[in-house]
PDB file of N, CA and C in Angstrom:
ATOM      1  N   MET A   1       0.792  -1.359   0.186  1.00  0.00           N
ATOM      2  CA  MET A   1      -0.332   0.194   0.392  1.00  0.00           C
ATOM      3  C   MET A   1       0.595   1.615  -0.015  1.00  0.00           C
ATOM      4  N   HIS A   2       0.460   2.582  -0.985  1.00  0.00           N
ATOM      5  CA  HIS A   2       0.977   3.653  -0.875  1.00  0.00           C
ATOM      6  C   HIS A   2       0.063   4.334  -0.076  1.00  0.00           C
ATOM      7  N   CYS A   3       0.848   4.836   0.483  1.00  0.00           N
ATOM      8  CA  CYS A   3       0.316   6.260   1.389  1.00  0.00           C
ATOM      9  C   CYS A   3       0.382   7.878   0.732  1.00  0.00           C
ATOM     10  N   ALA A   4       0.141   8.738   0.640  1.00  0.00           N
ATOM     11  CA  ALA A   4       0.209   9.942  -0.062  1.00  0.00           C
ATOM     12  C   ALA A   4      -0.179  11.204   0.625  1.00  0.00           C
ATOM     13  N   ILE A   5       0.564  12.154   1.083  1.00  0.00           N
ATOM     14  CA  ILE A   5      -0.377  13.152   1.704  1.00  0.00           C
ATOM     15  C   ILE A   5      -0.276  14.244   1.093  1.00  0.00           C
ATOM     16  N   ASN A   6      -1.382  15.033   0.776  1.00  0.00           N
ATOM     17  CA  ASN A   6      -1.588  16.060   0.136  1.00  0.00           C
ATOM     18  C   ASN A   6      -2.140  17.595   0.855  1.00  0.00           C
ATOM     19  N   ALA A   7      -0.917  18.165   0.490  1.00  0.00           N
ATOM     20  CA  ALA A   7      -0.765  19.543   1.136  1.00  0.00           C
ATOM     21  C   ALA A   7      -0.499  20.832   0.415  1.00  0.00           C
ATOM     22  N   ASP A   8      -1.086  21.990   1.207  1.00  0.00           N
ATOM     23  CA  ASP A   8      -1.202  23.133   0.461  1.00  0.00           C
ATOM     24  C   ASP A   8       0.498  23.755   0.346  1.00  0.00           C
ATOM     25  N   ASP A   9       1.151  23.150   1.728  1.00  0.00           N
ATOM     26  CA  ASP A   9       1.991  23.652   1.393  1.00  0.00           C
ATOM     27  C   ASP A   9       3.529  23.146   1.614  1.00  0.00           C
ATOM     28  N   VAL A  10       3.835  22.141   0.887  1.00  0.00           N
ATOM     29  CA  VAL A  10       4.537  20.930   0.774  1.00  0.00           C
ATOM     30  C   VAL A  10       5.874  20.676   1.808  1.00  0.00           C
ATOM     31  N   GLU A  11       6.226  22.171   1.596  1.00  0.00           N
ATOM     32  CA  GLU A  11       7.562  22.422   2.906  1.00  0.00           C
ATOM     33  C   GLU A  11       7.565  22.417   3.959  1.00  0.00           C
ATOM     34  N   ALA A  12       6.335  23.165   4.433  1.00  0.00           N
ATOM     35  CA  ALA A  12       5.438  23.263   6.125  1.00  0.00           C
ATOM     36  C   ALA A  12       4.975  21.901   6.237  1.00  0.00           C
ATOM     37  N   SER A  13       4.376  21.237   5.259  1.00  0.00           N
ATOM     38  CA  SER A  13       4.278  19.882   5.915  1.00  0.00           C
ATOM     39  C   SER A  13       5.585  18.509   6.143  1.00  0.00           C
ATOM     40  N   ARG A  14       6.281  19.045   5.044  1.00  0.00           N
ATOM     41  CA  ARG A  14       7.355  18.051   5.353  1.00  0.00           C
ATOM     42  C   ARG A  14       8.850  18.711   6.709  1.00  0.00           C
ATOM     43  N   ARG A  15       8.567  19.720   6.946  1.00  0.00           N
ATOM     44  CA  ARG A  15       9.039  20.139   8.058  1.00  0.00           C
ATOM     45  C   ARG A  15       8.489  19.245   9.382  1.00  0.00           C
ATOM     46  N   PHE A  16       6.960  19.571   9.138  1.00  0.00           N
ATOM     47  CA  PHE A  16       6.033  19.070  10.597  1.00  0.00           C
ATOM     48  C   PHE A  16       5.920  17.321  10.963  1.00  0.00           C
ATOM     49  N   TYR A  17       6.275  16.845   9.491  1.00  0.00           N
ATOM     50  CA  TYR A  17       6.025  15.509   9.632  1.00  0.00           C
ATOM     51  C   TYR A  17       7.122  15.122  10.055  1.00  0.00           C
ATOM     52  N   SER A  18       9.008  15.764   9.259  1.00  0.00           N
ATOM     53  CA  SER A  18      10.026  15.257  10.046  1.00  0.00           C
ATOM     54  C   SER A  18      10.117  15.497  11.585  1.00  0.00           C
ATOM     55  N   ALA A  19       9.306  17.141  12.154  1.00  0.00           N
ATOM     56  CA  ALA A  19       9.425  16.695  12.844  1.00  0.00           C
ATOM     57  C   ALA A  19       8.744  16.229  14.519  1.00  0.00           C
ATOM     58  N   LEU A  20       7.410  15.845  13.824  1.00  0.00           N
ATOM     59  CA  LEU A  20       6.299  15.077  14.537  1.00  0.00           C
ATOM     60  C   LEU A  20       7.414  13.027  14.497  1.00  0.00           C
ATOM     61  N   PHE A  21       7.440  12.781  13.550  1.00  0.00           N
ATOM     62  CA  PHE A  21       7.594  11.342  13.400  1.00  0.00           C
ATOM     63  C   PHE A  21       9.365  10.873  12.941  1.00  0.00           C
ATOM     64  N   GLY A  22      10.343  12.157  12.613  1.00  0.00           N
ATOM     65  CA  GLY A  22      11.392  11.993  12.485  1.00  0.00           C
ATOM     66  C   GLY A  22      11.974  11.653  10.959  1.00  0.00           C
ATOM     67  N   TRP A  23      10.879  11.736  10.025  1.00  0.00           N
ATOM     68  CA  TRP A  23      10.545  11.471   8.348  1.00  0.00           C
ATOM     69  C   TRP A  23      11.447  11.491   7.489  1.00  0.00           C
ATOM     70  N   THR A  24      11.638  11.320   6.630  1.00  0.00           N
ATOM     71  CA  THR A  24      12.996  12.306   6.140  1.00  0.00           C
ATOM     72  C   THR A  24      12.656  11.734   4.600  1.00  0.00           C
ATOM     73  N   PHE A  25      11.869  13.144   4.240  1.00  0.00           N
ATOM     74  CA  PHE A  25      11.474  13.154   2.677  1.00  0.00           C
ATOM     75  C   PHE A  25      12.696  13.110   1.686  1.00  0.00           C
ATOM     76  N   GLU A  26      12.567  12.890   0.844  1.00  0.00           N
ATOM     77  CA  GLU A  26      13.768  12.774  -0.341  1.00  0.00           C
ATOM     78  C   GLU A  26      12.707  13.377  -1.497  1.00  0.00           C
ATOM     79  N   PRO A  27      12.834  13.979  -2.634  1.00  0.00           N
ATOM     80  CA  PRO A  27      12.745  14.379  -3.920  1.00  0.00           C
ATOM     81  C   PRO A  27      12.362  13.603  -4.945  1.00  0.00           C
ATOM     82  N   TYR A  28      11.530  13.005  -5.452  1.00  0.00           N
ATOM     83  CA  TYR A  28      10.776  12.219  -6.474  1.00  0.00           C
ATOM     84  C   TYR A  28       9.894  12.283  -7.297  1.00  0.00           C
ATOM     85  N   GLY A  29      10.235  11.761  -8.198  1.00  0.00           N
ATOM     86  CA  GLY A  29       9.812  12.306  -9.811  1.00  0.00           C
ATOM     87  C   GLY A  29       9.387  13.616  -9.890  1.00  0.00           C
ATOM     88  N   PRO A  30       8.227  13.970 -10.318  1.00  0.00           N
ATOM     89  CA  PRO A  30       7.636  15.386 -10.665  1.00  0.00           C
ATOM     90  C   PRO A  30       7.761  16.248  -9.471  1.00  0.00           C
ATOM     91  N   PRO A  31       8.339  17.629 -10.177  1.00  0.00           N
ATOM     92  CA  PRO A  31       8.345  19.300  -9.073  1.00  0.00           C
ATOM     93  C   PRO A  31       7.310  18.649  -8.116  1.00  0.00           C
ATOM     94  N   GLY A  32       7.606  19.002  -6.571  1.00  0.00           N
ATOM     95  CA  GLY A  32       6.581  19.127  -5.922  1.00  0.00           C
ATOM     96  C   GLY A  32       5.874  17.813  -5.237  1.00  0.00           C
ATOM     97  N   PHE A  33       6.799  16.242  -5.585  1.00  0.00           N
ATOM     98  CA  PHE A  33       6.564  15.211  -4.693  1.00  0.00           C
ATOM     99  C   PHE A  33       8.011  14.848  -4.057  1.00  0.00           C
ATOM    100  N   MET A  34       7.700  14.231  -3.401  1.00  0.00           N
ATOM    101  CA  MET A  34       8.794  14.012  -1.844  1.00  0.00           C
ATOM    102  C   MET A  34       8.584  12.322  -1.974  1.00  0.00           C
ATOM    103  N   ARG A  35       9.193  11.788  -1.032  1.00  0.00           N
ATOM    104  CA  ARG A  35       8.672  10.257  -0.719  1.00  0.00           C
ATOM    105  C   ARG A  35       9.344   9.964   0.137  1.00  0.00           C
ATOM    106  N   MET A  36       8.832   9.469   1.263  1.00  0.00           N
ATOM    107  CA  MET A  36      10.056   8.283   2.463  1.00  0.00           C
ATOM    108  C   MET A  36       9.512   7.367   2.656  1.00  0.00           C
ATOM    109  N   GLN A  37      10.590   5.849   2.546  1.00  0.00           N
ATOM    110  CA  GLN A  37      10.647   4.874   2.484  1.00  0.00           C
ATOM    111  C   GLN A  37      11.230   4.104   4.164  1.00  0.00           C
ATOM    112  N   THR A  38       9.841   3.620   4.538  1.00  0.00           N
ATOM    113  CA  THR A  38      10.309   3.026   6.224  1.00  0.00           C
ATOM    114  C   THR A  38      10.951   2.123   6.073  1.00  0.00           C
ATOM    115  N   GLU A  39      11.859   1.258   7.481  1.00  0.00           N
ATOM    116  CA  GLU A  39      12.461   0.517   6.879  1.00  0.00           C
ATOM    117  C   GLU A  39      12.014  -0.961   6.829  1.00  0.00           C
ATOM    118  N   SER A  40      10.781  -0.900   7.016  1.00  0.00           N
ATOM    119  CA  SER A  40       9.977  -1.957   6.413  1.00  0.00           C
ATOM    120  C   SER A  40       9.326  -2.328   5.333  1.00  0.00           C
ATOM    121  N   GLY A  41       9.881  -1.040   4.436  1.00  0.00           N
ATOM    122  CA  GLY A  41       9.340  -1.230   3.124  1.00  0.00           C
ATOM    123  C   GLY A  41       8.481  -0.299   2.578  1.00  0.00           C
ATOM    124  N   GLN A  42       6.968   0.432   3.818  1.00  0.00           N
ATOM    125  CA  GLN A  42       6.305   0.772   3.386  1.00  0.00           C
ATOM    126  C   GLN A  42       6.494   2.188   2.380  1.00  0.00           C
ATOM    127  N   VAL A  43       5.931   2.960   1.934  1.00  0.00           N
ATOM    128  CA  VAL A  43       5.868   4.419   1.388  1.00  0.00           C
ATOM    129  C   VAL A  43       5.057   5.112   1.834  1.00  0.00           C
ATOM    130  N   VAL A  44       5.364   6.624   1.747  1.00  0.00           N
ATOM    131  CA  VAL A  44       5.054   7.812   2.143  1.00  0.00           C
ATOM    132  C   VAL A  44       4.665   9.014   1.613  1.00  0.00           C
ATOM    133  N   ALA A  45       4.650   9.386   0.638  1.00  0.00           N
ATOM    134  CA  ALA A  45       4.433  10.146  -0.299  1.00  0.00           C
ATOM    135  C   ALA A  45       4.003  11.615   0.564  1.00  0.00           C
ATOM    136  N   LEU A  46       4.488  13.177  -0.345  1.00  0.00           N
ATOM    137  CA  LEU A  46       4.851  14.246   0.228  1.00  0.00           C
ATOM    138  C   LEU A  46       3.814  14.897  -0.828  1.00  0.00           C
ATOM    139  N   GLN A  47       2.923  15.603  -0.964  1.00  0.00           N
ATOM    140  CA  GLN A  47       2.375  16.008  -2.386  1.00  0.00           C
ATOM    141  C   GLN A  47       1.853  17.228  -2.465  1.00  0.00           C
ATOM    142  N   GLN A  48       2.369  18.246  -3.705  1.00  0.00           N
ATOM    143  CA  GLN A  48       0.936  19.356  -3.774  1.00  0.00           C
ATOM    144  C   GLN A  48      -0.211  18.670  -3.866  1.00  0.00           C
ATOM    145  N   ARG A  49      -1.552  19.371  -2.633  1.00  0.00           N
ATOM    146  CA  ARG A  49      -2.803  19.386  -2.825  1.00  0.00           C
ATOM    147  C   ARG A  49      -3.374  18.797  -4.153  1.00  0.00           C
ATOM    148  N   ARG A  50      -4.224  18.290  -4.073  1.00  0.00           N
ATOM    149  CA  ARG A  50      -4.517  18.312  -5.890  1.00  0.00           C
ATOM    150  C   ARG A  50      -6.325  18.033  -5.697  1.00  0.00           C
ATOM    151  N   ASP A  51      -6.905  17.779  -7.058  1.00  0.00           N
ATOM    152  CA  ASP A  51      -8.429  17.122  -7.311  1.00  0.00           C
ATOM    153  C   ASP A  51      -8.035  16.381  -8.586  1.00  0.00           C
ATOM    154  N   LEU A  52      -9.322  15.073  -7.261  1.00  0.00           N
ATOM    155  CA  LEU A  52      -8.973  13.904  -8.527  1.00  0.00           C
ATOM    156  C   LEU A  52     -10.339  13.726  -8.976  1.00  0.00           C
ATOM    157  N   GLY A  53     -11.391  14.099 -10.545  1.00  0.00           N
ATOM    158  CA  GLY A  53     -11.855  13.895 -10.472  1.00  0.00           C
ATOM    159  C   GLY A  53     -13.565  15.025  -9.491  1.00  0.00           C
ATOM    160  N   GLY A  54     -12.570  15.959  -9.294  1.00  0.00           N
ATOM    161  CA  GLY A  54     -13.365  17.043  -8.372  1.00  0.00           C
ATOM    162  C   GLY A  54     -13.566  16.877  -7.571  1.00  0.00           C
ATOM    163  N   VAL A  55     -12.741  15.873  -7.018  1.00  0.00           N
ATOM    164  CA  VAL A  55     -12.723  15.973  -5.187  1.00  0.00           C
ATOM    165  C   VAL A  55     -12.013  16.601  -4.903  1.00  0.00           C
ATOM    166  N   ARG A  56     -11.621  17.785  -4.132  1.00  0.00           N
ATOM    167  CA  ARG A  56     -10.607  17.865  -3.605  1.00  0.00           C
ATOM    168  C   ARG A  56     -10.062  16.950  -2.604  1.00  0.00           C
ATOM    169  N   MET A  57      -8.678  16.703  -2.491  1.00  0.00           N
ATOM    170  CA  MET A  57      -7.976  15.488  -1.599  1.00  0.00           C
ATOM    171  C   MET A  57      -7.419  16.242  -0.343  1.00  0.00           C
ATOM    172  N   THR A  58      -7.880  15.878   0.855  1.00  0.00           N
ATOM    173  CA  THR A  58      -7.823  16.550   1.611  1.00  0.00           C
ATOM    174  C   THR A  58      -7.842  14.786   3.102  1.00  0.00           C
ATOM    175  N   GLY A  59      -6.624  15.068   3.515  1.00  0.00           N
ATOM    176  CA  GLY A  59      -6.017  13.978   4.613  1.00  0.00           C
ATOM    177  C   GLY A  59      -4.963  12.414   3.250  1.00  0.00           C
ATOM    178  N   PHE A  60      -5.122  11.868   4.177  1.00  0.00           N
ATOM    179  CA  PHE A  60      -4.156  10.733   3.566  1.00  0.00           C
ATOM    180  C   PHE A  60      -4.562  10.119   2.559  1.00  0.00           C
ATOM    181  N   GLU A  61      -4.083  10.199   1.268  1.00  0.00           N
ATOM    182  CA  GLU A  61      -4.290   8.901   0.420  1.00  0.00           C
ATOM    183  C   GLU A  61      -4.015   7.918   0.574  1.00  0.00           C
ATOM    184  N   CYS A  62      -4.820   6.689   0.254  1.00  0.00           N
ATOM    185  CA  CYS A  62      -4.139   5.570   0.119  1.00  0.00           C
ATOM    186  C   CYS A  62      -4.482   5.060  -1.608  1.00  0.00           C
ATOM    187  N   THR A  63      -3.562   4.177  -1.478  1.00  0.00           N
ATOM    188  CA  THR A  63      -3.676   3.866  -3.572  1.00  0.00           C
ATOM    189  C   THR A  63      -3.217   1.912  -2.514  1.00  0.00           C
ATOM    190  N   VAL A  64      -3.537   1.285  -3.619  1.00  0.00           N
ATOM    191  CA  VAL A  64      -3.591   0.037  -2.943  1.00  0.00           C
ATOM    192  C   VAL A  64      -2.779  -0.828  -3.972  1.00  0.00           C
ATOM    193  N   ALA A  65      -1.584  -1.809  -4.421  1.00  0.00           N
ATOM    194  CA  ALA A  65      -1.174  -2.138  -5.304  1.00  0.00           C
ATOM    195  C   ALA A  65      -1.926  -3.654  -5.799  1.00  0.00           C
ATOM    196  N   VAL A  66      -2.655  -3.929  -6.712  1.00  0.00           N
ATOM    197  CA  VAL A  66      -3.268  -4.669  -7.461  1.00  0.00           C
ATOM    198  C   VAL A  66      -2.513  -5.631  -8.516  1.00  0.00           C
ATOM    199  N   PRO A  67      -2.821  -7.044  -8.989  1.00  0.00           N
ATOM    200  CA  PRO A  67      -2.357  -7.453  -9.561  1.00  0.00           C
ATOM    201  C   PRO A  67      -2.424  -7.551 -10.901  1.00  0.00           C
ATOM    202  N   ASP A  68      -4.136  -6.901 -11.480  1.00  0.00           N
ATOM    203  CA  ASP A  68      -5.159  -6.467 -12.278  1.00  0.00           C
ATOM    204  C   ASP A  68      -5.464  -5.100 -12.546  1.00  0.00           C
ATOM    205  N   LEU A  69      -5.053  -4.491 -12.790  1.00  0.00           N
ATOM    206  CA  LEU A  69      -5.742  -3.260 -12.955  1.00  0.00           C
ATOM    207  C   LEU A  69      -6.992  -2.746 -13.420  1.00  0.00           C
ATOM    208  N   ASP A  70      -7.254  -3.626 -14.941  1.00  0.00           N
ATOM    209  CA  ASP A  70      -8.437  -3.507 -15.631  1.00  0.00           C
ATOM    210  C   ASP A  70      -9.417  -3.862 -15.007  1.00  0.00           C
ATOM    211  N   ALA A  71      -8.900  -5.308 -14.259  1.00  0.00           N
ATOM    212  CA  ALA A  71     -10.099  -5.844 -13.100  1.00  0.00           C
ATOM    213  C   ALA A  71     -10.673  -5.385 -12.212  1.00  0.00           C
ATOM    214  N   ILE A  72      -9.867  -4.337 -11.506  1.00  0.00           N
ATOM    215  CA  ILE A  72     -10.302  -3.280 -10.660  1.00  0.00           C
ATOM    216  C   ILE A  72     -11.556  -2.822 -11.396  1.00  0.00           C
ATOM    217  N   ALA A  73     -10.542  -1.573 -12.111  1.00  0.00           N
ATOM    218  CA  ALA A  73     -11.552  -0.748 -13.027  1.00  0.00           C
ATOM    219  C   ALA A  73     -13.135  -1.777 -13.525  1.00  0.00           C
ATOM    220  N   ARG A  74     -12.815  -2.482 -14.020  1.00  0.00           N
ATOM    221  CA  ARG A  74     -14.561  -3.304 -14.171  1.00  0.00           C
ATOM    222  C   ARG A  74     -15.213  -3.731 -13.258  1.00  0.00           C
ATOM    223  N   ALA A  75     -14.401  -3.905 -12.199  1.00  0.00           N
ATOM    224  CA  ALA A  75     -15.452  -3.990 -10.989  1.00  0.00           C
ATOM    225  C   ALA A  75     -15.628  -2.847  -9.734  1.00  0.00           C
ATOM    226  N   VAL A  76     -15.372  -1.460 -10.334  1.00  0.00           N
ATOM    227  CA  VAL A  76     -15.670  -0.576  -9.210  1.00  0.00           C
ATOM    228  C   VAL A  76     -17.160   0.051  -9.637  1.00  0.00           C
ATOM    229  N   GLU A  77     -17.488  -0.099 -10.622  1.00  0.00           N
ATOM    230  CA  GLU A  77     -19.396   0.747 -10.999  1.00  0.00           C
ATOM    231  C   GLU A  77     -20.434  -0.626 -10.349  1.00  0.00           C
ATOM    232  N   PRO A  78     -19.473  -1.658 -10.765  1.00  0.00           N
ATOM    233  CA  PRO A  78     -20.874  -2.977 -10.392  1.00  0.00           C
ATOM    234  C   PRO A  78     -20.885  -3.234  -8.655  1.00  0.00           C
ATOM    235  N   HIS A  79     -19.936  -2.498  -8.211  1.00  0.00           N
ATOM    236  CA  HIS A  79     -20.328  -3.083  -6.759  1.00  0.00           C
ATOM    237  C   HIS A  79     -20.560  -1.519  -6.048  1.00  0.00           C
ATOM    238  N   GLY A  80     -20.695  -0.117  -7.157  1.00  0.00           N
ATOM    239  CA  GLY A  80     -21.251   0.589  -6.712  1.00  0.00           C
ATOM    240  C   GLY A  80     -20.277   2.055  -6.118  1.00  0.00           C
ATOM    241  N   GLY A  81     -19.255   1.721  -6.976  1.00  0.00           N
ATOM    242  CA  GLY A  81     -18.166   2.838  -6.912  1.00  0.00           C
ATOM    243  C   GLY A  81     -18.432   3.825  -8.353  1.00  0.00           C
ATOM    244  N   ARG A  82     -17.260   4.167  -8.294  1.00  0.00           N
ATOM    245  CA  ARG A  82     -17.403   5.313  -9.498  1.00  0.00           C
ATOM    246  C   ARG A  82     -16.153   5.707  -9.801  1.00  0.00           C
ATOM    247  N   VAL A  83     -15.209   5.669 -10.916  1.00  0.00           N
ATOM    248  CA  VAL A  83     -14.095   5.868 -11.633  1.00  0.00           C
ATOM    249  C   VAL A  83     -14.099   7.150 -11.698  1.00  0.00           C
ATOM    250  N   VAL A  84     -12.847   7.781 -11.139  1.00  0.00           N
ATOM    251  CA  VAL A  84     -12.894   9.417 -10.547  1.00  0.00           C
ATOM    252  C   VAL A  84     -11.866   9.515 -11.791  1.00  0.00           C
ATOM    253  N   ILE A  85     -10.575   8.815 -11.958  1.00  0.00           N
ATOM    254  CA  ILE A  85      -9.885   9.190 -12.689  1.00  0.00           C
ATOM    255  C   ILE A  85      -9.002   8.086 -13.722  1.00  0.00           C
ATOM    256  N   GLN A  86      -9.344   8.084 -14.723  1.00  0.00           N
ATOM    257  CA  GLN A  86      -8.738   6.959 -15.533  1.00  0.00           C
ATOM    258  C   GLN A  86      -7.519   6.694 -15.875  1.00  0.00           C
ATOM    259  N   ARG A  87      -7.405   5.117 -15.686  1.00  0.00           N
ATOM    260  CA  ARG A  87      -6.103   4.542 -16.020  1.00  0.00           C
ATOM    261  C   ARG A  87      -5.106   5.943 -16.540  1.00  0.00           C
ATOM    262  N   ALA A  88      -4.043   6.126 -15.909  1.00  0.00           N
ATOM    263  CA  ALA A  88      -2.579   6.520 -16.645  1.00  0.00           C
ATOM    264  C   ALA A  88      -1.610   5.403 -15.900  1.00  0.00           C
ATOM    265  N   ARG A  89      -0.755   5.687 -16.681  1.00  0.00           N
ATOM    266  CA  ARG A  89       0.398   5.568 -16.805  1.00  0.00           C
ATOM    267  C   ARG A  89       1.562   6.334 -15.898  1.00  0.00           C
ATOM    268  N   ILE A  90       2.234   5.737 -15.086  1.00  0.00           N
ATOM    269  CA  ILE A  90       3.072   7.072 -14.690  1.00  0.00           C
ATOM    270  C   ILE A  90       4.723   6.050 -14.756  1.00  0.00           C
ATOM    271  N   PRO A  91       5.573   6.737 -15.485  1.00  0.00           N
ATOM    272  CA  PRO A  91       7.015   5.521 -16.063  1.00  0.00           C
ATOM    273  C   PRO A  91       7.719   5.697 -15.350  1.00  0.00           C
ATOM    274  N   ASP A  92       7.639   4.102 -15.911  1.00  0.00           N
ATOM    275  CA  ASP A  92       8.739   3.182 -14.958  1.00  0.00           C
ATOM    276  C   ASP A  92       8.063   3.037 -13.301  1.00  0.00           C
ATOM    277  N   VAL A  93       7.130   3.185 -13.269  1.00  0.00           N
ATOM    278  CA  VAL A  93       6.557   3.085 -11.881  1.00  0.00           C
ATOM    279  C   VAL A  93       5.617   2.067 -12.315  1.00  0.00           C
ATOM    280  N   GLY A  94       4.358   2.280 -13.020  1.00  0.00           N
ATOM    281  CA  GLY A  94       3.345   1.090 -12.889  1.00  0.00           C
ATOM    282  C   GLY A  94       1.805   2.421 -13.759  1.00  0.00           C
ATOM    283  N   ASP A  95       0.618   1.345 -13.593  1.00  0.00           N
ATOM    284  CA  ASP A  95       0.038   2.132 -14.029  1.00  0.00           C
ATOM    285  C   ASP A  95      -1.674   2.569 -12.609  1.00  0.00           C
ATOM    286  N   LEU A  96      -1.998   3.501 -13.123  1.00  0.00           N
ATOM    287  CA  LEU A  96      -2.808   3.665 -12.213  1.00  0.00           C
ATOM    288  C   LEU A  96      -4.332   4.876 -12.521  1.00  0.00           C
ATOM    289  N   LEU A  97      -5.442   4.193 -11.365  1.00  0.00           N
ATOM    290  CA  LEU A  97      -6.125   4.766 -11.300  1.00  0.00           C
ATOM    291  C   LEU A  97      -7.104   5.360 -10.344  1.00  0.00           C
ATOM    292  N   PHE A  98      -7.786   6.173 -10.069  1.00  0.00           N
ATOM    293  CA  PHE A  98      -8.394   6.467  -8.832  1.00  0.00           C
ATOM    294  C   PHE A  98     -10.150   6.574  -9.049  1.00  0.00           C
ATOM    295  N   PHE A  99     -10.497   5.400  -8.163  1.00  0.00           N
ATOM    296  CA  PHE A  99     -12.048   5.530  -7.940  1.00  0.00           C
ATOM    297  C   PHE A  99     -12.989   6.290  -6.476  1.00  0.00           C
ATOM    298  N   ALA A 100     -14.094   6.021  -5.945  1.00  0.00           N
ATOM    299  CA  ALA A 100     -14.855   6.547  -5.101  1.00  0.00           C
ATOM    300  C   ALA A 100     -15.217   5.457  -4.690  1.00  0.00           C
ATOM    301  N   ASP A 101     -15.456   5.050  -3.507  1.00  0.00           N
ATOM    302  CA  ASP A 101     -16.296   4.119  -3.067  1.00  0.00           C
ATOM    303  C   ASP A 101     -17.607   4.287  -3.403  1.00  0.00           C
ATOM    304  N   PRO A 102     -18.479   3.439  -2.617  1.00  0.00           N
ATOM    305  CA  PRO A 102     -20.223   4.122  -2.389  1.00  0.00           C
ATOM    306  C   PRO A 102     -20.404   5.919  -1.727  1.00  0.00           C
ATOM    307  N   SER A 103     -19.530   5.443  -1.006  1.00  0.00           N
ATOM    308  CA  SER A 103     -19.929   6.933   0.859  1.00  0.00           C
ATOM    309  C   SER A 103     -18.795   8.223   0.137  1.00  0.00           C
ATOM    310  N   GLY A 104     -18.418   7.807  -1.612  1.00  0.00           N
ATOM    311  CA  GLY A 104     -17.646   9.006  -2.008  1.00  0.00           C
ATOM    312  C   GLY A 104     -15.778   8.979  -1.689  1.00  0.00           C
ATOM    313  N   ILE A 105     -16.133   8.182  -1.045  1.00  0.00           N
ATOM    314  CA  ILE A 105     -14.169   8.150  -0.643  1.00  0.00           C
ATOM    315  C   ILE A 105     -13.358   7.688  -1.793  1.00  0.00           C
ATOM    316  N   VAL A 106     -12.636   8.502  -2.088  1.00  0.00           N
ATOM    317  CA  VAL A 106     -11.460   8.215  -2.832  1.00  0.00           C
ATOM    318  C   VAL A 106     -10.356   7.566  -2.761  1.00  0.00           C
ATOM    319  N   ALA A 107      -9.744   6.913  -3.560  1.00  0.00           N
ATOM    320  CA  ALA A 107      -8.872   5.787  -2.958  1.00  0.00           C
ATOM    321  C   ALA A 107      -7.897   5.743  -4.587  1.00  0.00           C
ATOM    322  N   GLY A 108      -6.888   5.274  -4.594  1.00  0.00           N
ATOM    323  CA  GLY A 108      -6.443   4.569  -5.698  1.00  0.00           C
ATOM    324  C   GLY A 108      -6.036   2.973  -5.979  1.00  0.00           C
ATOM    325  N   ALA A 109      -5.704   2.541  -7.274  1.00  0.00           N
ATOM    326  CA  ALA A 109      -5.192   1.445  -7.798  1.00  0.00           C
ATOM    327  C   ALA A 109      -3.742   1.290  -8.289  1.00  0.00           C
ATOM    328  N   MET A 110      -3.196   0.319  -7.904  1.00  0.00           N
ATOM    329  CA  MET A 110      -2.041   0.831  -8.764  1.00  0.00           C
ATOM    330  C   MET A 110      -1.536  -0.520  -9.529  1.00  0.00           C
ATOM    331  N   GLN A 111      -0.987  -0.607 -10.298  1.00  0.00           N
ATOM    332  CA  GLN A 111      -0.043  -2.074 -10.664  1.00  0.00           C
ATOM    333  C   GLN A 111       0.895  -1.580 -11.801  1.00  0.00           C
ATOM    334  N   TYR A 112       1.605  -2.123 -10.306  1.00  0.00           N
ATOM    335  CA  TYR A 112       3.193  -1.746 -10.564  1.00  0.00           C
ATOM    336  C   TYR A 112       4.000  -2.423 -11.542  1.00  0.00           C
ATOM    337  N   ASP A 113       5.094  -1.782 -11.989  1.00  0.00           N
ATOM    338  CA  ASP A 113       5.296  -2.709 -13.513  1.00  0.00           C
ATOM    339  C   ASP A 113       6.379  -3.749 -12.649  1.00  0.00           C
ATOM    340  N   ARG A 114       7.210  -3.597 -11.442  1.00  0.00           N
ATOM    341  CA  ARG A 114       7.748  -4.679 -10.743  1.00  0.00           C
ATOM    342  C   ARG A 114       7.016  -4.988  -9.558  1.00  0.00           C
ATOM    343  N   PRO A 115       6.774  -6.214  -9.394  1.00  0.00           N
ATOM    344  CA  PRO A 115       6.235  -6.821  -8.247  1.00  0.00           C
ATOM    345  C   PRO A 115       6.607  -5.916  -6.819  1.00  0.00           C
ATOM    346  N   GLY A 116       5.743  -5.670  -5.594  1.00  0.00           N
ATOM    347  CA  GLY A 116       6.212  -4.928  -4.746  1.00  0.00           C
ATOM    348  C   GLY A 116       6.429  -3.561  -4.703  1.00  0.00           C
ATOM    349  N   GLY A 117       5.913  -2.842  -6.266  1.00  0.00           N
ATOM    350  CA  GLY A 117       6.449  -1.760  -5.921  1.00  0.00           C
ATOM    351  C   GLY A 117       7.666  -1.310  -6.510  1.00  0.00           C
TER     352      GLY A 117
END
């Protein structure tokens, strides 16, 4: 699982979480995106706040690793959800889509290029 913190001020949030938990973020990927990996392999990203399919992201954004993104995409609507961002390619990482559950909670599903992300 991948967790991202959406922030209006990435640098202020980086300082806050570094002071609070001792997390050390490093630039990763596009501008305004930072990443920290724990000793156990969990990844926490810190990024500029964004809007996904008309939903302004607040709080922690979770993305679940899946083996078949197409199967997830086909299952969202029949189970009461909706796809808010169609499948998109992240070079050298994998394919990602975002969906809302029946309560409107937005999460992501990622099919990584390599097992384990």
